Amino acid sequence: MNTDQRLHSLDNLRAIMMWLGIVVHVSVNYMVNPAPTPWRDSQTSMLADLLIVFIHAFRMPVFFILAGFFVALLANRRGVNAMLRQRLRKLVWPFMVFWPLLLVCMSLLVAVYAHLNAFGTIGLEFERIPKVPGRPQISLLHLWFIYYLFMYCLVYALLLRWSAFIPSILQDGFASTWRILCNSWWGIFLLTLPLAVAGSFYRNGMVTPLGSFMPHLAEFIHSGMFFTCGIFLYRFQTDLLSRFECKCWLYLCAGLPVFIVFLALVKSGGSAEPASYGMQAVMAYLYNSVSWLWSFALIGLFLRYLPGQNFLLSYLADSSYWVYLVHMLGTMGFGILLYHSPFGAAGRMMCNILLTSMFCVLSYHLLVRRGLIERFLNGGVRKKPAD
């Protein structure tokens, strides 16, 4: 498989992971267990909880692995300064423009949800918005991903600058360690250890971003592990990508029993009180083992079965950044409109996913595609999947 096909495969995967955010954030409306957000529908379903736990296991890990891969690619092809300028344009400026707009719009939608929960009618009720323990009142929203990603880019740039002062034997040894861990069946179990420690501070061992502007150490380590993996995946792509492609079904199947054991532990622990730190560490170890296995599996599956792009995949890739930025307005807005619908939780979820997807496609096609916003987000219509 040539380099262009590999890049198209990874770009396809990145786009699908972006679009899966709609499913995750629709499901948040209908969770049975305590939600990480201050809004909730009157109807709940364990299907929503299961979808969140399932998709969360691989979605953000895949994001950060691919982010590290493409950042390393940019730094290698264009240099460190060019990489930082490009990341500044694609991450910082969109954050500065969209975060305040989304904060206002989403705050209004949360207030409407609060009024619905309290009185069953449409209205604004800021005073009744429930406080989520441990979460800041003014948060990064779902844009925490690009906030953290730019910090990782800065750290990576600094390390590249300082590499001249680090003995080559240490650099090569560190790189070789990552190569061995990613290239060995037992390496995943070692890579999971720091993630288990990070996850021990979170309910059921699942690291859920708090959305604070001050980076949380456990979250920074957790996502940073996957980002670092992406950097070395680029460096050793000839060996590692071939292995992931060859072993994709094995990785996928190996993760399934581990995921089932994790779910069994979650169910046995109940939902009333968080488990002990020790049990949360065990659950975090299982859950993050699944994250590594399924992330490698998805990379391999896309390399094997989606090596190129057609019109649909190209369209999904081009629209994915816009979808990532605005989809929460749809998931919350349509959640409000469906609040008194005759459907149960599963029916409302399906309708919300469909309506939000339509909203994202139409808004992208009519307001963004080949226009000023497209150029602002993507630099125009992309010719190569290298950014």
Protein backbone atom coordinates (compact mmCIF):
# COMPACT_ATOMS: atom_id res chain seq x y z
CA MET A 1 0.00 0.00 0.00
CA ASN A 2 1.45 3.36 -1.01
CA THR A 3 1.71 6.44 1.19
CA ASP A 4 -1.23 8.30 -0.36
CA GLN A 5 -3.55 5.32 0.22
CA ARG A 6 -2.46 5.11 3.83
CA LEU A 7 -3.15 8.80 4.36
CA HIS A 8 -6.57 8.51 2.74
CA SER A 9 -7.34 5.54 5.00
CA LEU A 10 -6.44 7.50 8.12
CA ASP A 11 -8.30 10.58 6.91
CA ASN A 12 -11.40 8.43 6.35
CA LEU A 13 -11.08 7.06 9.87
CA ARG A 14 -10.67 10.52 11.35
CA ALA A 15 -13.82 11.72 9.58
CA ILE A 16 -15.94 8.79 10.75
CA MET A 17 -14.78 9.32 14.33
CA MET A 18 -15.81 12.98 14.06
CA TRP A 19 -19.28 12.03 12.85
CA LEU A 20 -19.67 9.46 15.65
CA GLY A 21 -19.68 12.40 18.02
CA ILE A 22 -23.32 12.93 17.05
CA VAL A 23 -24.24 9.48 18.36
CA VAL A 24 -22.31 10.01 21.60
CA HIS A 25 -23.74 13.43 22.38
CA VAL A 26 -27.29 12.48 21.45
CA SER A 27 -26.99 9.52 23.81
CA VAL A 28 -25.93 11.81 26.67
CA ASN A 29 -29.50 13.20 26.67
CA TYR A 30 -30.95 9.79 27.52
CA MET A 31 -28.46 8.26 29.99
CA VAL A 32 -29.72 6.29 32.96
CA ASN A 33 -26.50 6.68 34.99
CA PRO A 34 -25.26 10.09 36.19
CA ALA A 35 -24.53 12.23 33.13
CA PRO A 36 -21.45 14.43 32.70
CA THR A 37 -23.74 17.25 31.51
CA PRO A 38 -26.40 19.38 33.25
CA TRP A 39 -29.20 18.40 30.84
CA ARG A 40 -31.25 15.24 30.50
CA ASP A 41 -34.40 14.05 28.76
CA SER A 42 -37.39 12.77 30.74
CA GLN A 43 -36.93 9.39 29.01
CA THR A 44 -33.81 7.32 29.66
CA SER A 45 -32.44 4.06 28.31
CA MET A 46 -29.52 1.78 29.11
CA LEU A 47 -28.95 1.67 25.34
CA ALA A 48 -27.68 5.25 25.61
CA ASP A 49 -25.25 4.34 28.38
CA LEU A 50 -24.00 1.31 26.44
CA LEU A 51 -23.45 3.34 23.25
CA ILE A 52 -21.46 5.96 25.16
CA VAL A 53 -19.27 3.40 26.93
CA PHE A 54 -18.71 1.49 23.68
CA ILE A 55 -17.86 4.44 21.44
CA HIS A 56 -15.88 6.29 24.12
CA ALA A 57 -13.56 3.28 24.36
CA PHE A 58 -12.02 4.01 20.96
CA ARG A 59 -13.22 7.33 19.59
CA MET A 60 -10.98 9.79 21.44
CA PRO A 61 -7.99 7.40 21.55
CA VAL A 62 -8.19 7.07 17.76
CA PHE A 63 -8.49 10.86 17.45
CA PHE A 64 -5.33 11.48 19.43
CA ILE A 65 -3.35 8.72 17.74
CA LEU A 66 -4.22 10.17 14.33
CA ALA A 67 -3.55 13.70 15.60
CA GLY A 68 -0.06 12.69 16.70
CA PHE A 69 0.54 10.95 13.38
CA PHE A 70 -0.41 13.97 11.27
CA VAL A 71 1.44 16.43 13.51
CA ALA A 72 4.61 14.35 13.15
CA LEU A 73 4.02 14.21 9.39
CA LEU A 74 3.70 17.99 9.19
CA ALA A 75 6.79 18.61 11.31
CA ASN A 76 8.80 16.18 9.17
CA ARG A 77 7.64 17.56 5.83
CA ARG A 78 7.45 21.28 6.55
CA GLY A 79 9.47 21.86 9.71
CA VAL A 80 8.53 22.68 13.29
CA ASN A 81 7.67 26.35 12.72
CA ALA A 82 5.42 25.56 9.76
CA MET A 83 3.70 22.84 11.80
CA LEU A 84 2.98 25.30 14.61
CA ARG A 85 1.67 27.94 12.21
CA GLN A 86 -0.61 25.39 10.59
CA ARG A 87 -1.87 24.12 13.96
CA LEU A 88 -2.40 27.71 15.08
CA ARG A 89 -4.57 28.34 12.04
CA LYS A 90 -6.53 25.09 12.30
CA LEU A 91 -6.91 24.86 16.07
CA VAL A 92 -6.45 28.16 17.89
CA TRP A 93 -8.27 30.56 15.56
CA PRO A 94 -11.35 28.31 15.20
CA PHE A 95 -11.39 27.88 18.98
CA MET A 96 -11.22 31.66 19.51
CA VAL A 97 -14.09 32.26 17.09
CA PHE A 98 -16.42 29.35 17.86
CA TRP A 99 -15.98 28.85 21.61
CA PRO A 100 -17.69 32.09 22.72
CA LEU A 101 -20.49 31.60 20.19
CA LEU A 102 -21.07 28.03 21.27
CA LEU A 103 -20.88 28.98 24.95
CA VAL A 104 -23.73 31.47 24.54
CA CYS A 105 -25.89 29.21 22.37
CA MET A 106 -25.37 26.08 24.45
CA SER A 107 -25.99 27.99 27.70
CA LEU A 108 -29.34 29.10 26.35
CA LEU A 109 -30.21 25.54 25.33
CA VAL A 110 -29.21 24.21 28.75
CA ALA A 111 -31.47 26.83 30.37
CA VAL A 112 -34.37 25.71 28.18
CA TYR A 113 -33.70 22.11 29.19
CA ALA A 114 -33.73 23.16 32.84
CA HIS A 115 -37.15 24.79 32.39
CA LEU A 116 -38.44 21.69 30.62
CA ASN A 117 -37.21 19.44 33.42
CA ALA A 118 -38.78 21.68 36.06
CA PHE A 119 -42.10 22.67 34.48
CA GLY A 120 -42.48 20.64 31.29
CA THR A 121 -42.74 23.75 29.13
CA ILE A 122 -40.40 25.80 26.95
CA GLY A 123 -38.73 28.67 28.78
CA LEU A 124 -35.45 29.94 30.19
CA GLU A 125 -34.52 28.89 33.71
CA PHE A 126 -30.86 29.61 34.40
CA GLU A 127 -31.37 29.30 38.16
CA ARG A 128 -32.52 25.69 37.83
CA ILE A 129 -29.52 24.49 35.83
CA PRO A 130 -28.07 21.68 37.97
CA LYS A 131 -24.42 21.87 38.94
CA VAL A 132 -22.33 18.91 37.84
CA PRO A 133 -19.87 18.04 40.65
CA GLY A 134 -16.25 18.70 39.80
CA ARG A 135 -17.00 20.59 36.60
CA PRO A 136 -16.33 24.32 36.07
CA GLN A 137 -19.22 26.69 35.43
CA ILE A 138 -17.47 28.04 32.34
CA SER A 139 -15.89 25.14 30.50
CA LEU A 140 -14.15 24.32 27.25
CA LEU A 141 -17.32 22.53 26.12
CA HIS A 142 -16.60 19.80 23.57
CA LEU A 143 -13.78 21.96 22.21
CA TRP A 144 -11.51 20.58 24.93
CA PHE A 145 -10.10 18.27 22.24
CA ILE A 146 -8.55 21.02 20.11
CA TYR A 147 -7.49 22.89 23.27
CA TYR A 148 -5.51 19.88 24.48
CA LEU A 149 -4.29 19.06 21.00
CA PHE A 150 -2.61 22.43 20.57
CA MET A 151 -0.90 22.03 23.95
CA TYR A 152 0.46 18.67 22.80
CA CYS A 153 1.70 20.33 19.61
CA LEU A 154 3.55 22.92 21.69
CA VAL A 155 5.12 20.24 23.89
CA TYR A 156 6.13 18.24 20.82
CA ALA A 157 7.67 21.33 19.20
CA LEU A 158 9.66 22.06 22.36
CA LEU A 159 10.93 18.49 22.51
CA LEU A 160 12.01 18.69 18.89
CA ARG A 161 13.89 21.91 19.67
CA TRP A 162 15.52 20.40 22.74
CA SER A 163 16.38 17.15 20.99
CA ALA A 164 19.75 18.64 20.00
CA PHE A 165 20.66 18.59 23.70
CA ILE A 166 19.43 15.04 24.36
CA PRO A 167 21.89 12.23 23.62
CA SER A 168 20.88 10.30 20.53
CA ILE A 169 21.18 7.01 22.40
CA LEU A 170 18.40 8.12 24.76
CA GLN A 171 16.22 9.34 21.88
CA ASP A 172 16.69 6.12 19.94
CA GLY A 173 16.10 4.02 23.03
CA PHE A 174 12.83 5.81 23.85
CA ALA A 175 11.64 5.50 20.24
CA SER A 176 12.61 1.82 20.08
CA THR A 177 10.69 1.17 23.29
CA TRP A 178 7.51 2.59 21.77
CA ARG A 179 8.10 0.59 18.61
CA ILE A 180 8.46 -2.64 20.56
CA LEU A 181 5.41 -1.94 22.73
CA CYS A 182 3.20 -1.18 19.71
CA ASN A 183 4.61 -4.08 17.72
CA SER A 184 4.22 -6.79 20.40
CA TRP A 185 1.10 -8.52 21.67
CA TRP A 186 2.20 -7.95 25.28
CA GLY A 187 3.10 -4.31 24.71
CA ILE A 188 -0.51 -3.20 25.03
CA PHE A 189 -0.63 -4.45 28.61
CA LEU A 190 2.33 -2.24 29.53
CA LEU A 191 1.01 0.77 27.63
CA THR A 192 -2.19 0.48 29.66
CA LEU A 193 -0.53 0.77 33.06
CA PRO A 194 -0.23 4.61 33.21
CA LEU A 195 -3.76 4.89 31.85
CA ALA A 196 -5.03 2.66 34.67
CA VAL A 197 -3.46 5.01 37.20
CA ALA A 198 -5.06 8.03 35.48
CA GLY A 199 -8.44 6.30 35.28
CA SER A 200 -8.46 5.35 38.97
CA PHE A 201 -9.62 8.91 39.75
CA TYR A 202 -12.73 8.61 37.55
CA ARG A 203 -16.02 6.81 37.90
CA ASN A 204 -15.79 3.26 36.55
CA GLY A 205 -12.24 4.00 35.45
CA MET A 206 -13.40 6.03 32.45
CA VAL A 207 -11.45 9.25 31.99
CA THR A 208 -14.10 11.85 31.15
CA PRO A 209 -12.80 15.38 30.38
CA LEU A 210 -13.84 17.94 32.98
CA GLY A 211 -13.61 20.77 30.45
CA SER A 212 -11.42 22.99 32.61
CA PHE A 213 -9.10 25.57 31.08
CA MET A 214 -6.51 24.41 33.62
CA PRO A 215 -5.40 21.01 32.28
CA HIS A 216 -6.10 18.12 34.59
CA LEU A 217 -3.00 15.95 35.04
CA ALA A 218 -4.79 12.60 34.64
CA GLU A 219 -6.55 13.79 31.47
CA PHE A 220 -3.35 15.25 30.07
CA ILE A 221 -1.47 11.98 30.60
CA HIS A 222 -4.33 9.88 29.28
CA SER A 223 -4.79 11.67 25.96
CA GLY A 224 -1.07 12.38 25.74
CA MET A 225 -0.27 8.66 25.70
CA PHE A 226 -2.34 8.18 22.57
CA PHE A 227 -0.94 11.34 20.97
CA THR A 228 2.60 10.09 21.64
CA CYS A 229 1.69 6.75 20.11
CA GLY A 230 0.64 8.60 16.95
CA ILE A 231 4.00 10.34 16.74
CA PHE A 232 5.88 7.05 16.82
CA LEU A 233 3.30 5.45 14.55
CA TYR A 234 4.39 7.96 11.93
CA ARG A 235 8.07 7.30 12.58
CA PHE A 236 7.68 3.51 12.30
CA GLN A 237 4.69 3.48 9.97
CA THR A 238 6.16 0.92 7.57
CA ASP A 239 6.24 -1.74 10.28
CA LEU A 240 3.37 -0.69 12.53
CA LEU A 241 0.72 0.12 9.94
CA SER A 242 1.40 -3.17 8.19
CA ARG A 243 1.04 -5.00 11.49
CA PHE A 244 -2.22 -3.24 12.35
CA GLU A 245 -3.60 -4.06 8.92
CA CYS A 246 -2.54 -7.70 9.17
CA LYS A 247 -3.79 -8.17 12.75
CA CYS A 248 -6.88 -5.93 12.64
CA TRP A 249 -9.44 -8.71 13.18
CA LEU A 250 -7.33 -10.24 15.94
CA TYR A 251 -7.17 -6.89 17.78
CA LEU A 252 -10.91 -6.42 17.31
CA CYS A 253 -11.82 -9.86 18.64
CA ALA A 254 -9.30 -9.69 21.51
CA GLY A 255 -10.92 -6.50 22.81
CA LEU A 256 -14.44 -7.94 22.93
CA PRO A 257 -14.10 -10.30 25.96
CA VAL A 258 -12.15 -7.63 27.85
CA PHE A 259 -14.95 -5.16 27.16
CA ILE A 260 -17.55 -7.68 28.37
CA VAL A 261 -15.63 -8.24 31.62
CA PHE A 262 -15.46 -4.46 32.09
CA LEU A 263 -19.23 -4.15 31.62
CA ALA A 264 -19.78 -6.98 34.11
CA LEU A 265 -17.70 -5.16 36.72
CA VAL A 266 -19.59 -1.92 36.10
CA LYS A 267 -22.92 -3.71 36.48
CA SER A 268 -21.85 -5.54 39.64
CA GLY A 269 -20.74 -2.27 41.20
CA GLY A 270 -24.09 -0.59 40.60
CA SER A 271 -24.54 3.12 39.93
CA ALA A 272 -25.34 4.58 43.35
CA GLU A 273 -21.80 5.21 44.58
CA PRO A 274 -18.43 5.29 42.81
CA ALA A 275 -16.23 2.24 43.31
CA SER A 276 -13.04 2.36 45.37
CA TYR A 277 -9.87 3.70 43.78
CA GLY A 278 -8.49 0.17 43.54
CA MET A 279 -11.55 -1.16 41.73
CA GLN A 280 -11.64 1.91 39.48
CA ALA A 281 -7.99 1.25 38.59
CA VAL A 282 -8.88 -2.33 37.63
CA MET A 283 -11.78 -1.14 35.51
CA ALA A 284 -9.57 1.56 33.97
CA TYR A 285 -6.98 -1.09 33.09
CA LEU A 286 -9.57 -3.24 31.35
CA TYR A 287 -11.23 -0.31 29.60
CA ASN A 288 -7.98 1.19 28.31
CA SER A 289 -6.76 -2.21 27.15
CA VAL A 290 -9.85 -2.21 24.97
CA SER A 291 -9.00 1.32 23.83
CA TRP A 292 -5.56 0.24 22.56
CA LEU A 293 -6.85 -2.97 20.97
CA TRP A 294 -9.78 -1.37 19.18
CA SER A 295 -7.80 1.71 18.14
CA PHE A 296 -5.19 -0.48 16.46
CA ALA A 297 -8.00 -2.61 15.01
CA LEU A 298 -9.78 0.38 13.48
CA ILE A 299 -6.58 1.74 11.97
CA GLY A 300 -5.94 -1.66 10.44
CA LEU A 301 -9.50 -2.12 9.21
CA PHE A 302 -9.52 1.23 7.45
CA LEU A 303 -6.11 0.54 5.92
CA ARG A 304 -7.40 -2.77 4.59
CA TYR A 305 -10.94 -1.95 3.51
CA LEU A 306 -11.08 1.83 2.92
CA PRO A 307 -7.71 2.66 1.36
CA GLY A 308 -9.04 5.32 -1.00
CA GLN A 309 -11.68 8.02 -1.14
CA ASN A 310 -14.86 8.35 -3.13
CA PHE A 311 -17.27 11.27 -3.26
CA LEU A 312 -19.06 10.28 -0.03
CA LEU A 313 -15.91 9.70 2.01
CA SER A 314 -14.33 12.88 0.69
CA TYR A 315 -17.48 14.84 1.58
CA LEU A 316 -17.57 13.36 5.08
CA ALA A 317 -13.90 14.24 5.56
CA ASP A 318 -14.35 17.81 4.31
CA SER A 319 -17.40 18.40 6.50
CA SER A 320 -16.10 16.66 9.63
CA TYR A 321 -14.50 19.73 11.26
CA TRP A 322 -17.67 21.78 10.86
CA VAL A 323 -19.71 18.86 12.21
CA TYR A 324 -17.42 18.58 15.21
CA LEU A 325 -17.85 22.28 15.99
CA VAL A 326 -21.63 22.67 15.65
CA HIS A 327 -23.22 19.25 16.20
CA MET A 328 -23.93 19.90 19.89
CA LEU A 329 -26.40 22.61 18.90
CA GLY A 330 -28.33 19.96 17.01
CA THR A 331 -28.17 17.24 19.66
CA MET A 332 -29.42 19.66 22.33
CA GLY A 333 -31.85 21.61 20.16
CA PHE A 334 -33.58 18.56 18.72
CA GLY A 335 -33.52 16.99 22.17
CA ILE A 336 -35.67 19.90 23.33
CA LEU A 337 -38.03 19.59 20.36
CA LEU A 338 -38.42 15.85 20.96
CA TYR A 339 -38.93 16.21 24.71
CA HIS A 340 -42.72 15.74 24.54
CA SER A 341 -42.73 13.41 21.53
CA PRO A 342 -44.69 10.16 21.87
CA PHE A 343 -41.53 8.10 21.35
CA GLY A 344 -39.55 6.34 24.04
CA ALA A 345 -35.88 7.02 24.68
CA ALA A 346 -34.66 4.76 21.85
CA GLY A 347 -37.04 6.36 19.35
CA ARG A 348 -36.04 9.86 20.41
CA MET A 349 -32.37 8.93 20.08
CA MET A 350 -32.87 7.66 16.53
CA CYS A 351 -34.84 10.76 15.53
CA ASN A 352 -32.29 13.07 17.15
CA ILE A 353 -29.35 11.37 15.43
CA LEU A 354 -31.09 11.62 12.06
CA LEU A 355 -32.19 15.24 12.51
CA THR A 356 -28.81 16.39 13.85
CA SER A 357 -27.03 14.67 10.96
CA MET A 358 -29.34 16.41 8.49
CA PHE A 359 -28.77 19.73 10.23
CA CYS A 360 -25.00 19.28 10.02
CA VAL A 361 -25.05 18.27 6.35
CA LEU A 362 -27.40 21.06 5.27
CA SER A 363 -25.63 23.76 7.27
CA TYR A 364 -22.27 22.64 5.89
CA HIS A 365 -23.50 22.43 2.30
CA LEU A 366 -25.40 25.72 2.33
CA LEU A 367 -23.28 27.88 4.62
CA VAL A 368 -19.77 26.46 4.63
CA ARG A 369 -18.78 24.38 1.61
CA ARG A 370 -16.44 26.17 -0.79
CA GLY A 371 -17.03 29.43 1.05
CA LEU A 372 -15.32 31.71 3.53
CA ILE A 373 -15.93 29.42 6.52
CA GLU A 374 -14.50 26.44 4.61
CA ARG A 375 -11.36 28.39 3.84
CA PHE A 376 -11.13 29.47 7.47
CA LEU A 377 -11.49 25.91 8.80
CA ASN A 378 -9.86 23.79 6.13
CA GLY A 379 -7.89 26.21 4.00
CA GLY A 380 -10.34 25.61 1.18
CA VAL A 381 -11.25 22.22 -0.24
CA ARG A 382 -8.46 19.86 0.73
CA LYS A 383 -6.42 18.22 -1.96
CA LYS A 384 -4.41 15.95 0.33
CA PRO A 385 -5.29 14.33 3.66
CA ALA A 386 -2.05 15.47 5.24
CA ASP A 387 -3.37 17.98 7.76
